[in-house]
Amino acid sequence: MFENINFYPGVVEYNEYKIDSSTILHGDNDDLQEDMFFVGYPNNYALDVGWYLGTQSFLIFIVRDLNWDEPVLRKNVLLIVN
């Protein structure tokens, strides 16, 4: 899913997001995991995407100096399946 996105000047360090939207839409979220996607950026910034089972949502973090307690941005993306 992220292969066609240019994250420059970041470097994709971890990409385990190997599912497609049709899988998610049919309620099959067994392949979703907390550590899915990570991009490192200059000045110690990072973009992180993961699935959090407790909230049934994706969380997107932008952090600096890997400070997860005080992220620059935290975005919760709910998964709604009809």
PDB file of N, CA and C in Angstrom:
ATOM      1  N   MET A   1       0.813  -1.201   0.000  1.00  0.00           N
ATOM      2  CA  MET A   1       0.000   0.000   0.000  1.00  0.00           C
ATOM      3  C   MET A   1       0.856   1.263   0.000  1.00  0.00           C
ATOM      4  N   PHE A   2       1.959   1.256   0.731  1.00  0.00           N
ATOM      5  CA  PHE A   2       2.798   2.448   0.847  1.00  0.00           C
ATOM      6  C   PHE A   2       3.888   2.517  -0.221  1.00  0.00           C
ATOM      7  N   GLU A   3       3.998   1.494  -1.057  1.00  0.00           N
ATOM      8  CA  GLU A   3       5.089   1.434  -2.031  1.00  0.00           C
ATOM      9  C   GLU A   3       5.078   2.578  -3.039  1.00  0.00           C
ATOM     10  N   ASN A   4       3.927   3.123  -3.356  1.00  0.00           N
ATOM     11  CA  ASN A   4       3.821   4.180  -4.362  1.00  0.00           C
ATOM     12  C   ASN A   4       3.859   5.587  -3.772  1.00  0.00           C
ATOM     13  N   ILE A   5       4.173   5.691  -2.498  1.00  0.00           N
ATOM     14  CA  ILE A   5       4.233   6.989  -1.840  1.00  0.00           C
ATOM     15  C   ILE A   5       5.689   7.374  -1.630  1.00  0.00           C
ATOM     16  N   ASN A   6       6.032   8.584  -2.012  1.00  0.00           N
ATOM     17  CA  ASN A   6       7.387   9.089  -1.841  1.00  0.00           C
ATOM     18  C   ASN A   6       7.495   9.758  -0.472  1.00  0.00           C
ATOM     19  N   PHE A   7       8.251   9.172   0.422  1.00  0.00           N
ATOM     20  CA  PHE A   7       8.407   9.699   1.770  1.00  0.00           C
ATOM     21  C   PHE A   7       9.669  10.550   1.911  1.00  0.00           C
ATOM     22  N   TYR A   8      10.260  10.946   0.800  1.00  0.00           N
ATOM     23  CA  TYR A   8      11.473  11.757   0.812  1.00  0.00           C
ATOM     24  C   TYR A   8      11.276  13.014   1.649  1.00  0.00           C
ATOM     25  N   PRO A   9      12.215  13.384   2.467  1.00  0.00           N
ATOM     26  CA  PRO A   9      13.561  12.859   2.626  1.00  0.00           C
ATOM     27  C   PRO A   9      13.664  11.712   3.627  1.00  0.00           C
ATOM     28  N   GLY A  10      12.535  11.123   3.982  1.00  0.00           N
ATOM     29  CA  GLY A  10      12.555  10.005   4.920  1.00  0.00           C
ATOM     30  C   GLY A  10      13.006   8.720   4.271  1.00  0.00           C
ATOM     31  N   VAL A  11      13.382   7.780   5.124  1.00  0.00           N
ATOM     32  CA  VAL A  11      13.805   6.455   4.686  1.00  0.00           C
ATOM     33  C   VAL A  11      12.889   5.436   5.360  1.00  0.00           C
ATOM     34  N   VAL A  12      12.229   4.611   4.531  1.00  0.00           N
ATOM     35  CA  VAL A  12      11.369   3.570   5.084  1.00  0.00           C
ATOM     36  C   VAL A  12      12.267   2.536   5.744  1.00  0.00           C
ATOM     37  N   GLU A  13      12.124   2.393   7.057  1.00  0.00           N
ATOM     38  CA  GLU A  13      12.967   1.467   7.809  1.00  0.00           C
ATOM     39  C   GLU A  13      12.258   0.153   8.108  1.00  0.00           C
ATOM     40  N   TYR A  14      10.932   0.189   8.061  1.00  0.00           N
ATOM     41  CA  TYR A  14      10.163  -0.999   8.395  1.00  0.00           C
ATOM     42  C   TYR A  14       8.838  -0.937   7.664  1.00  0.00           C
ATOM     43  N   ASN A  15       8.501  -2.003   6.900  1.00  0.00           N
ATOM     44  CA  ASN A  15       7.234  -2.027   6.176  1.00  0.00           C
ATOM     45  C   ASN A  15       6.659  -3.440   6.216  1.00  0.00           C
ATOM     46  N   GLU A  16       5.821  -3.680   7.178  1.00  0.00           N
ATOM     47  CA  GLU A  16       5.148  -4.974   7.289  1.00  0.00           C
ATOM     48  C   GLU A  16       3.667  -4.851   6.953  1.00  0.00           C
ATOM     49  N   TYR A  17       3.295  -3.764   6.311  1.00  0.00           N
ATOM     50  CA  TYR A  17       1.906  -3.549   5.917  1.00  0.00           C
ATOM     51  C   TYR A  17       1.680  -4.283   4.612  1.00  0.00           C
ATOM     52  N   LYS A  18       1.282  -5.543   4.706  1.00  0.00           N
ATOM     53  CA  LYS A  18       1.155  -6.383   3.523  1.00  0.00           C
ATOM     54  C   LYS A  18      -0.292  -6.827   3.293  1.00  0.00           C
ATOM     55  N   ILE A  19      -1.225  -5.991   3.656  1.00  0.00           N
ATOM     56  CA  ILE A  19      -2.627  -6.312   3.471  1.00  0.00           C
ATOM     57  C   ILE A  19      -3.253  -5.301   2.531  1.00  0.00           C
ATOM     58  N   ASP A  20      -4.395  -5.641   1.982  1.00  0.00           N
ATOM     59  CA  ASP A  20      -5.078  -4.687   1.113  1.00  0.00           C
ATOM     60  C   ASP A  20      -6.425  -4.311   1.729  1.00  0.00           C
ATOM     61  N   SER A  21      -7.007  -3.276   1.194  1.00  0.00           N
ATOM     62  CA  SER A  21      -8.245  -2.750   1.774  1.00  0.00           C
ATOM     63  C   SER A  21      -9.390  -3.746   1.693  1.00  0.00           C
ATOM     64  N   SER A  22      -9.428  -4.611   0.676  1.00  0.00           N
ATOM     65  CA  SER A  22     -10.530  -5.569   0.577  1.00  0.00           C
ATOM     66  C   SER A  22     -10.482  -6.571   1.726  1.00  0.00           C
ATOM     67  N   THR A  23      -9.288  -6.921   2.181  1.00  0.00           N
ATOM     68  CA  THR A  23      -9.151  -7.825   3.322  1.00  0.00           C
ATOM     69  C   THR A  23      -9.733  -7.180   4.567  1.00  0.00           C
ATOM     70  N   ILE A  24      -9.401  -5.931   4.790  1.00  0.00           N
ATOM     71  CA  ILE A  24      -9.886  -5.214   5.969  1.00  0.00           C
ATOM     72  C   ILE A  24     -11.400  -5.042   5.900  1.00  0.00           C
ATOM     73  N   LEU A  25     -11.914  -4.687   4.726  1.00  0.00           N
ATOM     74  CA  LEU A  25     -13.343  -4.435   4.591  1.00  0.00           C
ATOM     75  C   LEU A  25     -14.190  -5.670   4.850  1.00  0.00           C
ATOM     76  N   HIS A  26     -13.591  -6.848   4.676  1.00  0.00           N
ATOM     77  CA  HIS A  26     -14.322  -8.083   4.946  1.00  0.00           C
ATOM     78  C   HIS A  26     -14.119  -8.560   6.380  1.00  0.00           C
ATOM     79  N   GLY A  27     -13.518  -7.714   7.221  1.00  0.00           N
ATOM     80  CA  GLY A  27     -13.389  -8.033   8.634  1.00  0.00           C
ATOM     81  C   GLY A  27     -12.232  -8.948   8.979  1.00  0.00           C
ATOM     82  N   ASP A  28     -11.364  -9.272   8.013  1.00  0.00           N
ATOM     83  CA  ASP A  28     -10.219 -10.143   8.281  1.00  0.00           C
ATOM     84  C   ASP A  28      -9.030  -9.283   8.682  1.00  0.00           C
ATOM     85  N   ASN A  29      -8.868  -9.073   9.986  1.00  0.00           N
ATOM     86  CA  ASN A  29      -7.776  -8.227  10.449  1.00  0.00           C
ATOM     87  C   ASN A  29      -6.705  -9.023  11.207  1.00  0.00           C
ATOM     88  N   ASP A  30      -6.615 -10.328  10.932  1.00  0.00           N
ATOM     89  CA  ASP A  30      -5.637 -11.172  11.609  1.00  0.00           C
ATOM     90  C   ASP A  30      -4.200 -10.772  11.290  1.00  0.00           C
ATOM     91  N   ASP A  31      -3.966 -10.183  10.126  1.00  0.00           N
ATOM     92  CA  ASP A  31      -2.614  -9.792   9.733  1.00  0.00           C
ATOM     93  C   ASP A  31      -2.220  -8.417  10.255  1.00  0.00           C
ATOM     94  N   LEU A  32      -3.134  -7.721  10.881  1.00  0.00           N
ATOM     95  CA  LEU A  32      -2.827  -6.398  11.407  1.00  0.00           C
ATOM     96  C   LEU A  32      -2.018  -6.543  12.687  1.00  0.00           C
ATOM     97  N   GLN A  33      -1.038  -5.669  12.854  1.00  0.00           N
ATOM     98  CA  GLN A  33      -0.176  -5.735  14.032  1.00  0.00           C
ATOM     99  C   GLN A  33       0.247  -4.340  14.452  1.00  0.00           C
ATOM    100  N   GLU A  34       0.766  -4.242  15.647  1.00  0.00           N
ATOM    101  CA  GLU A  34       1.138  -2.932  16.183  1.00  0.00           C
ATOM    102  C   GLU A  34       2.303  -2.312  15.424  1.00  0.00           C
ATOM    103  N   ASP A  35       3.289  -3.105  15.080  1.00  0.00           N
ATOM    104  CA  ASP A  35       4.452  -2.597  14.348  1.00  0.00           C
ATOM    105  C   ASP A  35       4.283  -2.907  12.865  1.00  0.00           C
ATOM    106  N   MET A  36       3.794  -1.908  12.114  1.00  0.00           N
ATOM    107  CA  MET A  36       3.503  -2.143  10.703  1.00  0.00           C
ATOM    108  C   MET A  36       4.366  -1.325   9.748  1.00  0.00           C
ATOM    109  N   PHE A  37       4.625  -0.064  10.103  1.00  0.00           N
ATOM    110  CA  PHE A  37       5.278   0.816   9.146  1.00  0.00           C
ATOM    111  C   PHE A  37       6.016   1.910   9.894  1.00  0.00           C
ATOM    112  N   PHE A  38       7.267   2.174   9.485  1.00  0.00           N
ATOM    113  CA  PHE A  38       8.092   3.164  10.181  1.00  0.00           C
ATOM    114  C   PHE A  38       8.992   3.861   9.174  1.00  0.00           C
ATOM    115  N   VAL A  39       8.990   5.195   9.209  1.00  0.00           N
ATOM    116  CA  VAL A  39       9.857   6.000   8.341  1.00  0.00           C
ATOM    117  C   VAL A  39      10.678   6.929   9.221  1.00  0.00           C
ATOM    118  N   GLY A  40      12.004   6.893   9.050  1.00  0.00           N
ATOM    119  CA  GLY A  40      12.885   7.800   9.767  1.00  0.00           C
ATOM    120  C   GLY A  40      13.157   9.039   8.938  1.00  0.00           C
ATOM    121  N   TYR A  41      13.182  10.193   9.595  1.00  0.00           N
ATOM    122  CA  TYR A  41      13.408  11.474   8.922  1.00  0.00           C
ATOM    123  C   TYR A  41      14.582  12.205   9.554  1.00  0.00           C
ATOM    124  N   PRO A  42      15.123  13.197   8.827  1.00  0.00           N
ATOM    125  CA  PRO A  42      16.193  14.023   9.404  1.00  0.00           C
ATOM    126  C   PRO A  42      15.734  14.704  10.696  1.00  0.00           C
ATOM    127  N   ASN A  43      16.685  15.125  11.487  1.00  0.00           N
ATOM    128  CA  ASN A  43      16.435  15.817  12.753  1.00  0.00           C
ATOM    129  C   ASN A  43      15.683  14.942  13.761  1.00  0.00           C
ATOM    130  N   ASN A  44      15.868  13.628  13.622  1.00  0.00           N
ATOM    131  CA  ASN A  44      15.311  12.647  14.571  1.00  0.00           C
ATOM    132  C   ASN A  44      13.789  12.585  14.608  1.00  0.00           C
ATOM    133  N   TYR A  45      13.145  12.918  13.498  1.00  0.00           N
ATOM    134  CA  TYR A  45      11.699  12.742  13.390  1.00  0.00           C
ATOM    135  C   TYR A  45      11.403  11.362  12.822  1.00  0.00           C
ATOM    136  N   ALA A  46      10.213  10.849  13.136  1.00  0.00           N
ATOM    137  CA  ALA A  46       9.804   9.553  12.604  1.00  0.00           C
ATOM    138  C   ALA A  46       8.294   9.517  12.426  1.00  0.00           C
ATOM    139  N   LEU A  47       7.864   8.735  11.445  1.00  0.00           N
ATOM    140  CA  LEU A  47       6.452   8.465  11.181  1.00  0.00           C
ATOM    141  C   LEU A  47       6.224   6.992  11.463  1.00  0.00           C
ATOM    142  N   ASP A  48       5.210   6.684  12.261  1.00  0.00           N
ATOM    143  CA  ASP A  48       4.936   5.299  12.640  1.00  0.00           C
ATOM    144  C   ASP A  48       3.458   5.004  12.464  1.00  0.00           C
ATOM    145  N   VAL A  49       3.144   3.849  11.878  1.00  0.00           N
ATOM    146  CA  VAL A  49       1.764   3.419  11.694  1.00  0.00           C
ATOM    147  C   VAL A  49       1.629   2.027  12.285  1.00  0.00           C
ATOM    148  N   GLY A  50       0.586   1.826  13.069  1.00  0.00           N
ATOM    149  CA  GLY A  50       0.346   0.508  13.649  1.00  0.00           C
ATOM    150  C   GLY A  50      -1.121   0.278  13.922  1.00  0.00           C
ATOM    151  N   TRP A  51      -1.458  -0.991  14.116  1.00  0.00           N
ATOM    152  CA  TRP A  51      -2.825  -1.401  14.434  1.00  0.00           C
ATOM    153  C   TRP A  51      -2.884  -1.704  15.927  1.00  0.00           C
ATOM    154  N   TYR A  52      -3.875  -1.169  16.588  1.00  0.00           N
ATOM    155  CA  TYR A  52      -4.011  -1.378  18.022  1.00  0.00           C
ATOM    156  C   TYR A  52      -5.329  -2.079  18.298  1.00  0.00           C
ATOM    157  N   LEU A  53      -5.239  -3.350  18.636  1.00  0.00           N
ATOM    158  CA  LEU A  53      -6.408  -4.201  18.805  1.00  0.00           C
ATOM    159  C   LEU A  53      -7.361  -3.663  19.865  1.00  0.00           C
ATOM    160  N   GLY A  54      -6.811  -3.132  20.948  1.00  0.00           N
ATOM    161  CA  GLY A  54      -7.652  -2.623  22.032  1.00  0.00           C
ATOM    162  C   GLY A  54      -8.588  -1.514  21.595  1.00  0.00           C
ATOM    163  N   THR A  55      -8.169  -0.718  20.624  1.00  0.00           N
ATOM    164  CA  THR A  55      -9.006   0.376  20.134  1.00  0.00           C
ATOM    165  C   THR A  55      -9.635   0.053  18.785  1.00  0.00           C
ATOM    166  N   GLN A  56      -9.277  -1.108  18.202  1.00  0.00           N
ATOM    167  CA  GLN A  56      -9.756  -1.480  16.868  1.00  0.00           C
ATOM    168  C   GLN A  56      -9.518  -0.347  15.877  1.00  0.00           C
ATOM    169  N   SER A  57      -8.310   0.215  15.930  1.00  0.00           N
ATOM    170  CA  SER A  57      -8.009   1.341  15.053  1.00  0.00           C
ATOM    171  C   SER A  57      -6.522   1.358  14.703  1.00  0.00           C
ATOM    172  N   PHE A  58      -6.238   2.067  13.643  1.00  0.00           N
ATOM    173  CA  PHE A  58      -4.852   2.366  13.304  1.00  0.00           C
ATOM    174  C   PHE A  58      -4.453   3.621  14.069  1.00  0.00           C
ATOM    175  N   LEU A  59      -3.220   3.654  14.535  1.00  0.00           N
ATOM    176  CA  LEU A  59      -2.679   4.865  15.137  1.00  0.00           C
ATOM    177  C   LEU A  59      -1.502   5.318  14.295  1.00  0.00           C
ATOM    178  N   ILE A  60      -1.492   6.600  13.994  1.00  0.00           N
ATOM    179  CA  ILE A  60      -0.402   7.216  13.240  1.00  0.00           C
ATOM    180  C   ILE A  60       0.291   8.178  14.185  1.00  0.00           C
ATOM    181  N   PHE A  61       1.587   7.986  14.335  1.00  0.00           N
ATOM    182  CA  PHE A  61       2.381   8.847  15.208  1.00  0.00           C
ATOM    183  C   PHE A  61       3.446   9.567  14.409  1.00  0.00           C
ATOM    184  N   ILE A  62       3.692  10.813  14.741  1.00  0.00           N
ATOM    185  CA  ILE A  62       4.910  11.512  14.346  1.00  0.00           C
ATOM    186  C   ILE A  62       5.598  11.850  15.656  1.00  0.00           C
ATOM    187  N   VAL A  63       6.825  11.382  15.791  1.00  0.00           N
ATOM    188  CA  VAL A  63       7.573  11.584  17.030  1.00  0.00           C
ATOM    189  C   VAL A  63       8.934  12.203  16.726  1.00  0.00           C
ATOM    190  N   ARG A  64       9.507  12.794  17.740  1.00  0.00           N
ATOM    191  CA  ARG A  64      10.870  13.326  17.633  1.00  0.00           C
ATOM    192  C   ARG A  64      11.695  12.686  18.733  1.00  0.00           C
ATOM    193  N   ASP A  65      12.888  12.277  18.392  1.00  0.00           N
ATOM    194  CA  ASP A  65      13.804  11.617  19.326  1.00  0.00           C
ATOM    195  C   ASP A  65      13.176  10.369  19.947  1.00  0.00           C
ATOM    196  N   LEU A  66      12.293   9.699  19.189  1.00  0.00           N
ATOM    197  CA  LEU A  66      11.598   8.490  19.637  1.00  0.00           C
ATOM    198  C   LEU A  66      10.895   8.684  20.984  1.00  0.00           C
ATOM    199  N   ASN A  67      10.418   9.895  21.207  1.00  0.00           N
ATOM    200  CA  ASN A  67       9.700  10.226  22.438  1.00  0.00           C
ATOM    201  C   ASN A  67       8.221   9.883  22.253  1.00  0.00           C
ATOM    202  N   TRP A  68       7.865   8.638  22.557  1.00  0.00           N
ATOM    203  CA  TRP A  68       6.495   8.154  22.366  1.00  0.00           C
ATOM    204  C   TRP A  68       5.536   8.724  23.410  1.00  0.00           C
ATOM    205  N   ASP A  69       6.063   9.214  24.534  1.00  0.00           N
ATOM    206  CA  ASP A  69       5.208   9.782  25.567  1.00  0.00           C
ATOM    207  C   ASP A  69       4.667  11.162  25.191  1.00  0.00           C
ATOM    208  N   GLU A  70       5.404  11.873  24.339  1.00  0.00           N
ATOM    209  CA  GLU A  70       4.981  13.196  23.898  1.00  0.00           C
ATOM    210  C   GLU A  70       5.122  13.309  22.376  1.00  0.00           C
ATOM    211  N   PRO A  71       4.239  12.622  21.630  1.00  0.00           N
ATOM    212  CA  PRO A  71       4.352  12.678  20.175  1.00  0.00           C
ATOM    213  C   PRO A  71       4.050  14.080  19.634  1.00  0.00           C
ATOM    214  N   VAL A  72       4.649  14.391  18.506  1.00  0.00           N
ATOM    215  CA  VAL A  72       4.347  15.640  17.807  1.00  0.00           C
ATOM    216  C   VAL A  72       2.908  15.576  17.291  1.00  0.00           C
ATOM    217  N   LEU A  73       2.495  14.401  16.828  1.00  0.00           N
ATOM    218  CA  LEU A  73       1.135  14.173  16.326  1.00  0.00           C
ATOM    219  C   LEU A  73       0.737  12.741  16.638  1.00  0.00           C
ATOM    220  N   ARG A  74      -0.496  12.568  17.045  1.00  0.00           N
ATOM    221  CA  ARG A  74      -1.082  11.230  17.253  1.00  0.00           C
ATOM    222  C   ARG A  74      -2.451  11.261  16.614  1.00  0.00           C
ATOM    223  N   LYS A  75      -2.664  10.412  15.644  1.00  0.00           N
ATOM    224  CA  LYS A  75      -3.931  10.393  14.910  1.00  0.00           C
ATOM    225  C   LYS A  75      -4.524   8.981  15.002  1.00  0.00           C
ATOM    226  N   ASN A  76      -5.761   8.903  15.437  1.00  0.00           N
ATOM    227  CA  ASN A  76      -6.462   7.645  15.559  1.00  0.00           C
ATOM    228  C   ASN A  76      -7.363   7.497  14.341  1.00  0.00           C
ATOM    229  N   VAL A  77      -7.212   6.396  13.610  1.00  0.00           N
ATOM    230  CA  VAL A  77      -8.022   6.148  12.409  1.00  0.00           C
ATOM    231  C   VAL A  77      -8.840   4.908  12.668  1.00  0.00           C
ATOM    232  N   LEU A  78     -10.133   5.081  12.899  1.00  0.00           N
ATOM    233  CA  LEU A  78     -11.018   3.970  13.204  1.00  0.00           C
ATOM    234  C   LEU A  78     -11.293   3.142  11.956  1.00  0.00           C
ATOM    235  N   LEU A  79     -11.418   1.854  12.174  1.00  0.00           N
ATOM    236  CA  LEU A  79     -11.775   0.931  11.096  1.00  0.00           C
ATOM    237  C   LEU A  79     -13.254   0.655  11.204  1.00  0.00           C
ATOM    238  N   ILE A  80     -14.009   1.085  10.199  1.00  0.00           N
ATOM    239  CA  ILE A  80     -15.452   0.879  10.190  1.00  0.00           C
ATOM    240  C   ILE A  80     -15.786  -0.097   9.079  1.00  0.00           C
ATOM    241  N   VAL A  81     -16.348  -1.242   9.465  1.00  0.00           N
ATOM    242  CA  VAL A  81     -16.698  -2.280   8.500  1.00  0.00           C
ATOM    243  C   VAL A  81     -18.216  -2.423   8.495  1.00  0.00           C
ATOM    244  N   ASN A  82     -18.805  -2.304   7.317  1.00  0.00           N
ATOM    245  CA  ASN A  82     -20.263  -2.446   7.188  1.00  0.00           C
ATOM    246  C   ASN A  82     -20.614  -3.870   6.847  1.00  0.00           C
TER     247      ASN A  82
END
